[in-house]
Amino acid sequence: KYFRNYLTEDYWTMYKSTYSNCEKEVFWMSIFAAC
């Protein structure tokens, strides 16, 4: 819960992009963001 406090702004933006909805294309985007 404190990740946002310690990650750089760029890393926090990347971390948020690892969350997706149920759409296949968005899901794949979140997977590669996590990678």
PDB file of all heavy atoms in Angstrom:
ATOM      1  N   LYS A   1       0.805  -1.228   0.000  1.00  0.00           N
ATOM      2  CA  LYS A   1       0.000   0.000   0.000  1.00  0.00           C
ATOM      3  C   LYS A   1       0.834   1.274   0.000  1.00  0.00           C
ATOM      4  O   LYS A   1       0.306   2.346  -0.319  1.00  0.00           O
ATOM      5  CB  LYS A   1      -0.972  -0.002   1.175  1.00  0.00           C
ATOM      6  CG  LYS A   1      -0.340   0.013   2.559  1.00  0.00           C
ATOM      7  CD  LYS A   1      -1.425  -0.026   3.622  1.00  0.00           C
ATOM      8  CE  LYS A   1      -0.859  -0.007   5.034  1.00  0.00           C
ATOM      9  NZ  LYS A   1      -1.933  -0.048   6.054  1.00  0.00           N
ATOM     10  N   TYR A   2       2.122   1.173   0.314  1.00  0.00           N
ATOM     11  CA  TYR A   2       2.987   2.357   0.281  1.00  0.00           C
ATOM     12  C   TYR A   2       3.890   2.401  -0.948  1.00  0.00           C
ATOM     13  O   TYR A   2       4.794   3.240  -1.026  1.00  0.00           O
ATOM     14  CB  TYR A   2       3.862   2.415   1.543  1.00  0.00           C
ATOM     15  CG  TYR A   2       3.086   2.516   2.838  1.00  0.00           C
ATOM     16  CD1 TYR A   2       3.568   1.922   4.008  1.00  0.00           C
ATOM     17  CD2 TYR A   2       1.874   3.194   2.907  1.00  0.00           C
ATOM     18  CE1 TYR A   2       2.862   2.001   5.194  1.00  0.00           C
ATOM     19  CE2 TYR A   2       1.159   3.272   4.086  1.00  0.00           C
ATOM     20  CZ  TYR A   2       1.661   2.676   5.232  1.00  0.00           C
ATOM     21  OH  TYR A   2       0.963   2.760   6.415  1.00  0.00           O
ATOM     22  N   PHE A   3       3.658   1.530  -1.925  1.00  0.00           N
ATOM     23  CA  PHE A   3       4.486   1.538  -3.134  1.00  0.00           C
ATOM     24  C   PHE A   3       4.564   2.936  -3.750  1.00  0.00           C
ATOM     25  O   PHE A   3       5.624   3.381  -4.179  1.00  0.00           O
ATOM     26  CB  PHE A   3       3.936   0.569  -4.184  1.00  0.00           C
ATOM     27  CG  PHE A   3       4.261  -0.888  -3.928  1.00  0.00           C
ATOM     28  CD1 PHE A   3       3.737  -1.877  -4.756  1.00  0.00           C
ATOM     29  CD2 PHE A   3       5.090  -1.277  -2.890  1.00  0.00           C
ATOM     30  CE1 PHE A   3       4.038  -3.210  -4.543  1.00  0.00           C
ATOM     31  CE2 PHE A   3       5.391  -2.617  -2.656  1.00  0.00           C
ATOM     32  CZ  PHE A   3       4.855  -3.577  -3.491  1.00  0.00           C
ATOM     33  N   ARG A   4       3.428   3.601  -3.822  1.00  0.00           N
ATOM     34  CA  ARG A   4       3.375   4.916  -4.467  1.00  0.00           C
ATOM     35  C   ARG A   4       4.302   5.913  -3.783  1.00  0.00           C
ATOM     36  O   ARG A   4       4.831   6.823  -4.421  1.00  0.00           O
ATOM     37  CB  ARG A   4       1.936   5.449  -4.452  1.00  0.00           C
ATOM     38  CG  ARG A   4       1.766   6.772  -5.184  1.00  0.00           C
ATOM     39  CD  ARG A   4       0.335   7.217  -5.201  1.00  0.00           C
ATOM     40  NE  ARG A   4      -0.177   7.489  -3.859  1.00  0.00           N
ATOM     41  CZ  ARG A   4      -1.379   7.992  -3.609  1.00  0.00           C
ATOM     42  NH1 ARG A   4      -2.220   8.239  -4.606  1.00  0.00           N
ATOM     43  NH2 ARG A   4      -1.766   8.208  -2.367  1.00  0.00           N
ATOM     44  N   ASN A   5       4.507   5.739  -2.467  1.00  0.00           N
ATOM     45  CA  ASN A   5       5.360   6.667  -1.725  1.00  0.00           C
ATOM     46  C   ASN A   5       6.833   6.531  -2.077  1.00  0.00           C
ATOM     47  O   ASN A   5       7.599   7.486  -1.905  1.00  0.00           O
ATOM     48  CB  ASN A   5       5.194   6.453  -0.219  1.00  0.00           C
ATOM     49  CG  ASN A   5       3.776   6.698   0.260  1.00  0.00           C
ATOM     50  OD1 ASN A   5       2.971   7.284  -0.447  1.00  0.00           O
ATOM     51  ND2 ASN A   5       3.466   6.226   1.448  1.00  0.00           N
ATOM     52  N   TYR A   6       7.241   5.356  -2.547  1.00  0.00           N
ATOM     53  CA  TYR A   6       8.658   5.077  -2.720  1.00  0.00           C
ATOM     54  C   TYR A   6       9.104   4.889  -4.166  1.00  0.00           C
ATOM     55  O   TYR A   6      10.277   5.064  -4.478  1.00  0.00           O
ATOM     56  CB  TYR A   6       9.039   3.824  -1.920  1.00  0.00           C
ATOM     57  CG  TYR A   6       8.858   3.988  -0.431  1.00  0.00           C
ATOM     58  CD1 TYR A   6       7.914   3.243   0.270  1.00  0.00           C
ATOM     59  CD2 TYR A   6       9.631   4.900   0.287  1.00  0.00           C
ATOM     60  CE1 TYR A   6       7.755   3.393   1.646  1.00  0.00           C
ATOM     61  CE2 TYR A   6       9.475   5.056   1.655  1.00  0.00           C
ATOM     62  CZ  TYR A   6       8.534   4.290   2.318  1.00  0.00           C
ATOM     63  OH  TYR A   6       8.375   4.464   3.678  1.00  0.00           O
ATOM     64  N   LEU A   7       8.197   4.499  -5.049  1.00  0.00           N
ATOM     65  CA  LEU A   7       8.557   4.344  -6.450  1.00  0.00           C
ATOM     66  C   LEU A   7       8.728   5.712  -7.111  1.00  0.00           C
ATOM     67  O   LEU A   7       8.107   6.697  -6.702  1.00  0.00           O
ATOM     68  CB  LEU A   7       7.475   3.558  -7.202  1.00  0.00           C
ATOM     69  CG  LEU A   7       7.387   2.063  -6.905  1.00  0.00           C
ATOM     70  CD1 LEU A   7       6.168   1.466  -7.591  1.00  0.00           C
ATOM     71  CD2 LEU A   7       8.651   1.329  -7.334  1.00  0.00           C
ATOM     72  N   THR A   8       9.565   5.769  -8.145  1.00  0.00           N
ATOM     73  CA  THR A   8       9.655   7.000  -8.931  1.00  0.00           C
ATOM     74  C   THR A   8       8.330   7.217  -9.650  1.00  0.00           C
ATOM     75  O   THR A   8       7.512   6.290  -9.784  1.00  0.00           O
ATOM     76  CB  THR A   8      10.777   6.903  -9.973  1.00  0.00           C
ATOM     77  OG1 THR A   8      10.437   5.868 -10.924  1.00  0.00           O
ATOM     78  CG2 THR A   8      12.114   6.575  -9.318  1.00  0.00           C
ATOM     79  N   GLU A   9       8.110   8.409 -10.128  1.00  0.00           N
ATOM     80  CA  GLU A   9       6.856   8.703 -10.823  1.00  0.00           C
ATOM     81  C   GLU A   9       6.685   7.814 -12.049  1.00  0.00           C
ATOM     82  O   GLU A   9       5.586   7.314 -12.316  1.00  0.00           O
ATOM     83  CB  GLU A   9       6.836  10.181 -11.234  1.00  0.00           C
ATOM     84  CG  GLU A   9       5.523  10.625 -11.870  1.00  0.00           C
ATOM     85  CD  GLU A   9       5.480  12.113 -12.176  1.00  0.00           C
ATOM     86  OE1 GLU A   9       6.318  12.847 -11.629  1.00  0.00           O
ATOM     87  OE2 GLU A   9       4.610  12.525 -12.966  1.00  0.00           O
ATOM     88  N   ASP A  10       7.785   7.599 -12.782  1.00  0.00           N
ATOM     89  CA  ASP A  10       7.709   6.745 -13.975  1.00  0.00           C
ATOM     90  C   ASP A  10       7.390   5.304 -13.609  1.00  0.00           C
ATOM     91  O   ASP A  10       6.559   4.651 -14.271  1.00  0.00           O
ATOM     92  CB  ASP A  10       9.025   6.797 -14.748  1.00  0.00           C
ATOM     93  CG  ASP A  10       9.219   8.121 -15.469  1.00  0.00           C
ATOM     94  OD1 ASP A  10       8.234   8.864 -15.622  1.00  0.00           O
ATOM     95  OD2 ASP A  10      10.359   8.404 -15.876  1.00  0.00           O
ATOM     96  N   TYR A  11       8.037   4.800 -12.568  1.00  0.00           N
ATOM     97  CA  TYR A  11       7.775   3.421 -12.163  1.00  0.00           C
ATOM     98  C   TYR A  11       6.349   3.266 -11.625  1.00  0.00           C
ATOM     99  O   TYR A  11       5.715   2.232 -11.846  1.00  0.00           O
ATOM    100  CB  TYR A  11       8.789   2.972 -11.120  1.00  0.00           C
ATOM    101  CG  TYR A  11      10.129   2.547 -11.694  1.00  0.00           C
ATOM    102  CD1 TYR A  11      11.277   2.507 -10.906  1.00  0.00           C
ATOM    103  CD2 TYR A  11      10.240   2.159 -13.027  1.00  0.00           C
ATOM    104  CE1 TYR A  11      12.501   2.108 -11.435  1.00  0.00           C
ATOM    105  CE2 TYR A  11      11.456   1.763 -13.565  1.00  0.00           C
ATOM    106  CZ  TYR A  11      12.578   1.738 -12.762  1.00  0.00           C
ATOM    107  OH  TYR A  11      13.791   1.340 -13.284  1.00  0.00           O
ATOM    108  N   TRP A  12       5.874   4.249 -10.912  1.00  0.00           N
ATOM    109  CA  TRP A  12       4.503   4.163 -10.402  1.00  0.00           C
ATOM    110  C   TRP A  12       3.504   4.159 -11.560  1.00  0.00           C
ATOM    111  O   TRP A  12       2.521   3.420 -11.538  1.00  0.00           O
ATOM    112  CB  TRP A  12       4.214   5.308  -9.436  1.00  0.00           C
ATOM    113  CG  TRP A  12       2.801   5.319  -8.931  1.00  0.00           C
ATOM    114  CD1 TRP A  12       1.861   6.284  -9.105  1.00  0.00           C
ATOM    115  CD2 TRP A  12       2.146   4.292  -8.163  1.00  0.00           C
ATOM    116  NE1 TRP A  12       0.677   5.937  -8.509  1.00  0.00           N
ATOM    117  CE2 TRP A  12       0.823   4.717  -7.922  1.00  0.00           C
ATOM    118  CE3 TRP A  12       2.566   3.059  -7.661  1.00  0.00           C
ATOM    119  CZ2 TRP A  12      -0.079   3.951  -7.200  1.00  0.00           C
ATOM    120  CZ3 TRP A  12       1.650   2.289  -6.943  1.00  0.00           C
ATOM    121  CH2 TRP A  12       0.351   2.743  -6.717  1.00  0.00           C
ATOM    122  N   THR A  13       3.757   4.964 -12.581  1.00  0.00           N
ATOM    123  CA  THR A  13       2.893   4.970 -13.758  1.00  0.00           C
ATOM    124  C   THR A  13       2.921   3.601 -14.439  1.00  0.00           C
ATOM    125  O   THR A  13       1.876   3.070 -14.844  1.00  0.00           O
ATOM    126  CB  THR A  13       3.346   6.054 -14.757  1.00  0.00           C
ATOM    127  OG1 THR A  13       3.251   7.339 -14.125  1.00  0.00           O
ATOM    128  CG2 THR A  13       2.484   6.044 -16.002  1.00  0.00           C
ATOM    129  N   MET A  14       4.107   3.006 -14.536  1.00  0.00           N
ATOM    130  CA  MET A  14       4.220   1.675 -15.117  1.00  0.00           C
ATOM    131  C   MET A  14       3.483   0.653 -14.271  1.00  0.00           C
ATOM    132  O   MET A  14       2.798  -0.236 -14.794  1.00  0.00           O
ATOM    133  CB  MET A  14       5.694   1.285 -15.249  1.00  0.00           C
ATOM    134  CG  MET A  14       6.455   2.075 -16.294  1.00  0.00           C
ATOM    135  SD  MET A  14       8.230   1.701 -16.282  1.00  0.00           S
ATOM    136  CE  MET A  14       8.225   0.000 -16.837  1.00  0.00           C
ATOM    137  N   TYR A  15       3.632   0.777 -12.953  1.00  0.00           N
ATOM    138  CA  TYR A  15       2.971  -0.188 -12.067  1.00  0.00           C
ATOM    139  C   TYR A  15       1.461  -0.121 -12.243  1.00  0.00           C
ATOM    140  O   TYR A  15       0.781  -1.155 -12.325  1.00  0.00           O
ATOM    141  CB  TYR A  15       3.351   0.076 -10.611  1.00  0.00           C
ATOM    142  CG  TYR A  15       2.782  -0.947  -9.658  1.00  0.00           C
ATOM    143  CD1 TYR A  15       3.407  -2.178  -9.471  1.00  0.00           C
ATOM    144  CD2 TYR A  15       1.598  -0.711  -8.969  1.00  0.00           C
ATOM    145  CE1 TYR A  15       2.872  -3.135  -8.625  1.00  0.00           C
ATOM    146  CE2 TYR A  15       1.058  -1.658  -8.120  1.00  0.00           C
ATOM    147  CZ  TYR A  15       1.698  -2.870  -7.953  1.00  0.00           C
ATOM    148  OH  TYR A  15       1.158  -3.821  -7.118  1.00  0.00           O
ATOM    149  N   LYS A  16       0.905   1.074 -12.305  1.00  0.00           N
ATOM    150  CA  LYS A  16      -0.550   1.211 -12.476  1.00  0.00           C
ATOM    151  C   LYS A  16      -1.013   0.581 -13.780  1.00  0.00           C
ATOM    152  O   LYS A  16      -2.129   0.049 -13.851  1.00  0.00           O
ATOM    153  CB  LYS A  16      -0.938   2.692 -12.434  1.00  0.00           C
ATOM    154  CG  LYS A  16      -0.836   3.312 -11.062  1.00  0.00           C
ATOM    155  CD  LYS A  16      -1.456   4.707 -11.023  1.00  0.00           C
ATOM    156  CE  LYS A  16      -0.677   5.687 -11.852  1.00  0.00           C
ATOM    157  NZ  LYS A  16      -1.262   7.063 -11.745  1.00  0.00           N
ATOM    158  N   SER A  17      -0.164   0.631 -14.810  1.00  0.00           N
ATOM    159  CA  SER A  17      -0.554   0.084 -16.104  1.00  0.00           C
ATOM    160  C   SER A  17      -0.574  -1.443 -16.113  1.00  0.00           C
ATOM    161  O   SER A  17      -1.020  -2.046 -17.090  1.00  0.00           O
ATOM    162  CB  SER A  17       0.378   0.594 -17.206  1.00  0.00           C
ATOM    163  OG  SER A  17       1.679   0.057 -17.072  1.00  0.00           O
ATOM    164  N   THR A  18      -0.105  -2.088 -15.023  1.00  0.00           N
ATOM    165  CA  THR A  18      -0.171  -3.552 -14.952  1.00  0.00           C
ATOM    166  C   THR A  18      -1.555  -4.039 -14.540  1.00  0.00           C
ATOM    167  O   THR A  18      -1.807  -5.241 -14.527  1.00  0.00           O
ATOM    168  CB  THR A  18       0.872  -4.115 -13.966  1.00  0.00           C
ATOM    169  OG1 THR A  18       0.549  -3.724 -12.632  1.00  0.00           O
ATOM    170  CG2 THR A  18       2.266  -3.639 -14.325  1.00  0.00           C
ATOM    171  N   TYR A  19      -2.446  -3.108 -14.207  1.00  0.00           N
ATOM    172  CA  TYR A  19      -3.828  -3.468 -13.883  1.00  0.00           C
ATOM    173  C   TYR A  19      -4.687  -3.308 -15.139  1.00  0.00           C
ATOM    174  O   TYR A  19      -4.595  -2.309 -15.849  1.00  0.00           O
ATOM    175  CB  TYR A  19      -4.370  -2.595 -12.760  1.00  0.00           C
ATOM    176  CG  TYR A  19      -3.785  -2.938 -11.405  1.00  0.00           C
ATOM    177  CD1 TYR A  19      -2.626  -2.323 -10.954  1.00  0.00           C
ATOM    178  CD2 TYR A  19      -4.393  -3.896 -10.596  1.00  0.00           C
ATOM    179  CE1 TYR A  19      -2.078  -2.649  -9.720  1.00  0.00           C
ATOM    180  CE2 TYR A  19      -3.850  -4.228  -9.360  1.00  0.00           C
ATOM    181  CZ  TYR A  19      -2.698  -3.596  -8.930  1.00  0.00           C
ATOM    182  OH  TYR A  19      -2.161  -3.931  -7.705  1.00  0.00           O
ATOM    183  N   SER A  20      -5.534  -4.291 -15.394  1.00  0.00           N
ATOM    184  CA  SER A  20      -6.311  -4.274 -16.631  1.00  0.00           C
ATOM    185  C   SER A  20      -7.783  -4.558 -16.339  1.00  0.00           C
ATOM    186  O   SER A  20      -8.164  -4.873 -15.205  1.00  0.00           O
ATOM    187  CB  SER A  20      -5.771  -5.326 -17.595  1.00  0.00           C
ATOM    188  OG  SER A  20      -6.045  -6.634 -17.105  1.00  0.00           O
ATOM    189  N   ASN A  21      -8.578  -4.483 -17.403  1.00  0.00           N
ATOM    190  CA  ASN A  21      -9.966  -4.930 -17.313  1.00  0.00           C
ATOM    191  C   ASN A  21     -10.075  -6.311 -17.956  1.00  0.00           C
ATOM    192  O   ASN A  21      -9.069  -7.011 -18.090  1.00  0.00           O
ATOM    193  CB  ASN A  21     -10.910  -3.910 -17.975  1.00  0.00           C
ATOM    194  CG  ASN A  21     -10.540  -3.653 -19.429  1.00  0.00           C
ATOM    195  OD1 ASN A  21      -9.945  -4.501 -20.098  1.00  0.00           O
ATOM    196  ND2 ASN A  21     -10.895  -2.482 -19.934  1.00  0.00           N
ATOM    197  N   CYS A  22     -11.268  -6.687 -18.376  1.00  0.00           N
ATOM    198  CA  CYS A  22     -11.454  -8.037 -18.927  1.00  0.00           C
ATOM    199  C   CYS A  22     -11.243  -8.093 -20.433  1.00  0.00           C
ATOM    200  O   CYS A  22     -11.373  -9.172 -21.040  1.00  0.00           O
ATOM    201  CB  CYS A  22     -12.844  -8.561 -18.571  1.00  0.00           C
ATOM    202  SG  CYS A  22     -14.187  -7.551 -19.230  1.00  0.00           S
ATOM    203  N   GLU A  23     -10.950  -6.952 -21.068  1.00  0.00           N
ATOM    204  CA  GLU A  23     -10.733  -6.945 -22.514  1.00  0.00           C
ATOM    205  C   GLU A  23      -9.376  -7.572 -22.845  1.00  0.00           C
ATOM    206  O   GLU A  23      -8.359  -7.228 -22.247  1.00  0.00           O
ATOM    207  CB  GLU A  23     -10.801  -5.522 -23.059  1.00  0.00           C
ATOM    208  CG  GLU A  23     -12.150  -4.836 -22.854  1.00  0.00           C
ATOM    209  CD  GLU A  23     -13.278  -5.560 -23.563  1.00  0.00           C
ATOM    210  OE1 GLU A  23     -13.024  -6.109 -24.657  1.00  0.00           O
ATOM    211  OE2 GLU A  23     -14.404  -5.574 -23.043  1.00  0.00           O
ATOM    212  N   LYS A  24      -9.376  -8.468 -23.815  1.00  0.00           N
ATOM    213  CA  LYS A  24      -8.163  -9.229 -24.139  1.00  0.00           C
ATOM    214  C   LYS A  24      -6.988  -8.318 -24.498  1.00  0.00           C
ATOM    215  O   LYS A  24      -5.861  -8.518 -24.013  1.00  0.00           O
ATOM    216  CB  LYS A  24      -8.449 -10.195 -25.280  1.00  0.00           C
ATOM    217  CG  LYS A  24      -7.286 -11.115 -25.609  1.00  0.00           C
ATOM    218  CD  LYS A  24      -7.607 -12.041 -26.779  1.00  0.00           C
ATOM    219  CE  LYS A  24      -8.723 -13.007 -26.433  1.00  0.00           C
ATOM    220  NZ  LYS A  24      -8.945 -13.993 -27.536  1.00  0.00           N
ATOM    221  N   GLU A  25      -7.221  -7.312 -25.332  1.00  0.00           N
ATOM    222  CA  GLU A  25      -6.131  -6.441 -25.761  1.00  0.00           C
ATOM    223  C   GLU A  25      -5.531  -5.673 -24.581  1.00  0.00           C
ATOM    224  O   GLU A  25      -4.308  -5.552 -24.466  1.00  0.00           O
ATOM    225  CB  GLU A  25      -6.643  -5.454 -26.823  1.00  0.00           C
ATOM    226  CG  GLU A  25      -5.563  -4.536 -27.367  1.00  0.00           C
ATOM    227  CD  GLU A  25      -6.072  -3.581 -28.439  1.00  0.00           C
ATOM    228  OE1 GLU A  25      -7.215  -3.780 -28.920  1.00  0.00           O
ATOM    229  OE2 GLU A  25      -5.340  -2.640 -28.799  1.00  0.00           O
ATOM    230  N   VAL A  26      -6.398  -5.184 -23.699  1.00  0.00           N
ATOM    231  CA  VAL A  26      -5.930  -4.444 -22.529  1.00  0.00           C
ATOM    232  C   VAL A  26      -5.195  -5.383 -21.575  1.00  0.00           C
ATOM    233  O   VAL A  26      -4.186  -5.000 -20.960  1.00  0.00           O
ATOM    234  CB  VAL A  26      -7.111  -3.753 -21.816  1.00  0.00           C
ATOM    235  CG1 VAL A  26      -6.636  -2.988 -20.582  1.00  0.00           C
ATOM    236  CG2 VAL A  26      -7.830  -2.806 -22.768  1.00  0.00           C
ATOM    237  N   PHE A  27      -5.684  -6.590 -21.451  1.00  0.00           N
ATOM    238  CA  PHE A  27      -5.043  -7.594 -20.605  1.00  0.00           C
ATOM    239  C   PHE A  27      -3.615  -7.847 -21.087  1.00  0.00           C
ATOM    240  O   PHE A  27      -2.657  -7.861 -20.298  1.00  0.00           O
ATOM    241  CB  PHE A  27      -5.869  -8.878 -20.619  1.00  0.00           C
ATOM    242  CG  PHE A  27      -5.549  -9.860 -19.515  1.00  0.00           C
ATOM    243  CD1 PHE A  27      -6.303 -11.025 -19.364  1.00  0.00           C
ATOM    244  CD2 PHE A  27      -4.507  -9.648 -18.621  1.00  0.00           C
ATOM    245  CE1 PHE A  27      -6.020 -11.946 -18.363  1.00  0.00           C
ATOM    246  CE2 PHE A  27      -4.204 -10.561 -17.615  1.00  0.00           C
ATOM    247  CZ  PHE A  27      -4.965 -11.703 -17.495  1.00  0.00           C
ATOM    248  N   TRP A  28      -3.461  -8.030 -22.392  1.00  0.00           N
ATOM    249  CA  TRP A  28      -2.123  -8.260 -22.933  1.00  0.00           C
ATOM    250  C   TRP A  28      -1.200  -7.063 -22.686  1.00  0.00           C
ATOM    251  O   TRP A  28      -0.019  -7.211 -22.367  1.00  0.00           O
ATOM    252  CB  TRP A  28      -2.196  -8.572 -24.434  1.00  0.00           C
ATOM    253  CG  TRP A  28      -2.449 -10.014 -24.738  1.00  0.00           C
ATOM    254  CD1 TRP A  28      -3.575 -10.552 -25.292  1.00  0.00           C
ATOM    255  CD2 TRP A  28      -1.562 -11.110 -24.514  1.00  0.00           C
ATOM    256  NE1 TRP A  28      -3.453 -11.910 -25.413  1.00  0.00           N
ATOM    257  CE2 TRP A  28      -2.211 -12.293 -24.955  1.00  0.00           C
ATOM    258  CE3 TRP A  28      -0.278 -11.218 -23.985  1.00  0.00           C
ATOM    259  CZ2 TRP A  28      -1.628 -13.548 -24.873  1.00  0.00           C
ATOM    260  CZ3 TRP A  28       0.317 -12.476 -23.900  1.00  0.00           C
ATOM    261  CH2 TRP A  28      -0.355 -13.618 -24.347  1.00  0.00           C
ATOM    262  N   MET A  29      -1.739  -5.867 -22.820  1.00  0.00           N
ATOM    263  CA  MET A  29      -0.935  -4.663 -22.565  1.00  0.00           C
ATOM    264  C   MET A  29      -0.439  -4.646 -21.120  1.00  0.00           C
ATOM    265  O   MET A  29       0.702  -4.284 -20.838  1.00  0.00           O
ATOM    266  CB  MET A  29      -1.761  -3.411 -22.863  1.00  0.00           C
ATOM    267  CG  MET A  29      -2.035  -3.174 -24.341  1.00  0.00           C
ATOM    268  SD  MET A  29      -3.159  -1.782 -24.637  1.00  0.00           S
ATOM    269  CE  MET A  29      -2.240  -0.432 -23.916  1.00  0.00           C
ATOM    270  N   SER A  30      -1.300  -5.045 -20.198  1.00  0.00           N
ATOM    271  CA  SER A  30      -0.909  -5.049 -18.782  1.00  0.00           C
ATOM    272  C   SER A  30       0.157  -6.104 -18.511  1.00  0.00           C
ATOM    273  O   SER A  30       1.046  -5.900 -17.679  1.00  0.00           O
ATOM    274  CB  SER A  30      -2.137  -5.290 -17.892  1.00  0.00           C
ATOM    275  OG  SER A  30      -2.595  -6.624 -17.979  1.00  0.00           O
ATOM    276  N   ILE A  31       0.088  -7.224 -19.219  1.00  0.00           N
ATOM    277  CA  ILE A  31       1.089  -8.279 -19.048  1.00  0.00           C
ATOM    278  C   ILE A  31       2.462  -7.786 -19.491  1.00  0.00           C
ATOM    279  O   ILE A  31       3.458  -7.934 -18.771  1.00  0.00           O
ATOM    280  CB  ILE A  31       0.685  -9.534 -19.848  1.00  0.00           C
ATOM    281  CG1 ILE A  31      -0.535 -10.199 -19.198  1.00  0.00           C
ATOM    282  CG2 ILE A  31       1.849 -10.516 -19.943  1.00  0.00           C
ATOM    283  CD1 ILE A  31      -1.158 -11.296 -20.042  1.00  0.00           C
ATOM    284  N   PHE A  32       2.525  -7.163 -20.653  1.00  0.00           N
ATOM    285  CA  PHE A  32       3.819  -6.683 -21.148  1.00  0.00           C
ATOM    286  C   PHE A  32       4.319  -5.495 -20.325  1.00  0.00           C
ATOM    287  O   PHE A  32       5.537  -5.316 -20.182  1.00  0.00           O
ATOM    288  CB  PHE A  32       3.728  -6.344 -22.631  1.00  0.00           C
ATOM    289  CG  PHE A  32       3.666  -7.566 -23.509  1.00  0.00           C
ATOM    290  CD1 PHE A  32       2.530  -7.878 -24.233  1.00  0.00           C
ATOM    291  CD2 PHE A  32       4.752  -8.421 -23.591  1.00  0.00           C
ATOM    292  CE1 PHE A  32       2.476  -9.013 -25.024  1.00  0.00           C
ATOM    293  CE2 PHE A  32       4.722  -9.565 -24.377  1.00  0.00           C
ATOM    294  CZ  PHE A  32       3.572  -9.867 -25.100  1.00  0.00           C
ATOM    295  N   ALA A  33       3.408  -4.715 -19.777  1.00  0.00           N
ATOM    296  CA  ALA A  33       3.823  -3.639 -18.863  1.00  0.00           C
ATOM    297  C   ALA A  33       4.467  -4.239 -17.620  1.00  0.00           C
ATOM    298  O   ALA A  33       5.491  -3.738 -17.127  1.00  0.00           O
ATOM    299  CB  ALA A  33       2.622  -2.777 -18.481  1.00  0.00           C
ATOM    300  N   ALA A  34       3.883  -5.320 -17.111  1.00  0.00           N
ATOM    301  CA  ALA A  34       4.448  -6.002 -15.939  1.00  0.00           C
ATOM    302  C   ALA A  34       5.816  -6.569 -16.266  1.00  0.00           C
ATOM    303  O   ALA A  34       6.744  -6.506 -15.445  1.00  0.00           O
ATOM    304  CB  ALA A  34       3.510  -7.115 -15.472  1.00  0.00           C
ATOM    305  N   CYS A  35       5.966  -7.116 -17.477  1.00  0.00           N
ATOM    306  CA  CYS A  35       7.260  -7.673 -17.878  1.00  0.00           C
ATOM    307  C   CYS A  35       8.333  -6.595 -17.928  1.00  0.00           C
ATOM    308  O   CYS A  35       9.465  -6.801 -17.455  1.00  0.00           O
ATOM    309  CB  CYS A  35       7.142  -8.338 -19.247  1.00  0.00           C
ATOM    310  SG  CYS A  35       6.144  -9.842 -19.270  1.00  0.00           S
TER     311      CYS A  35
END
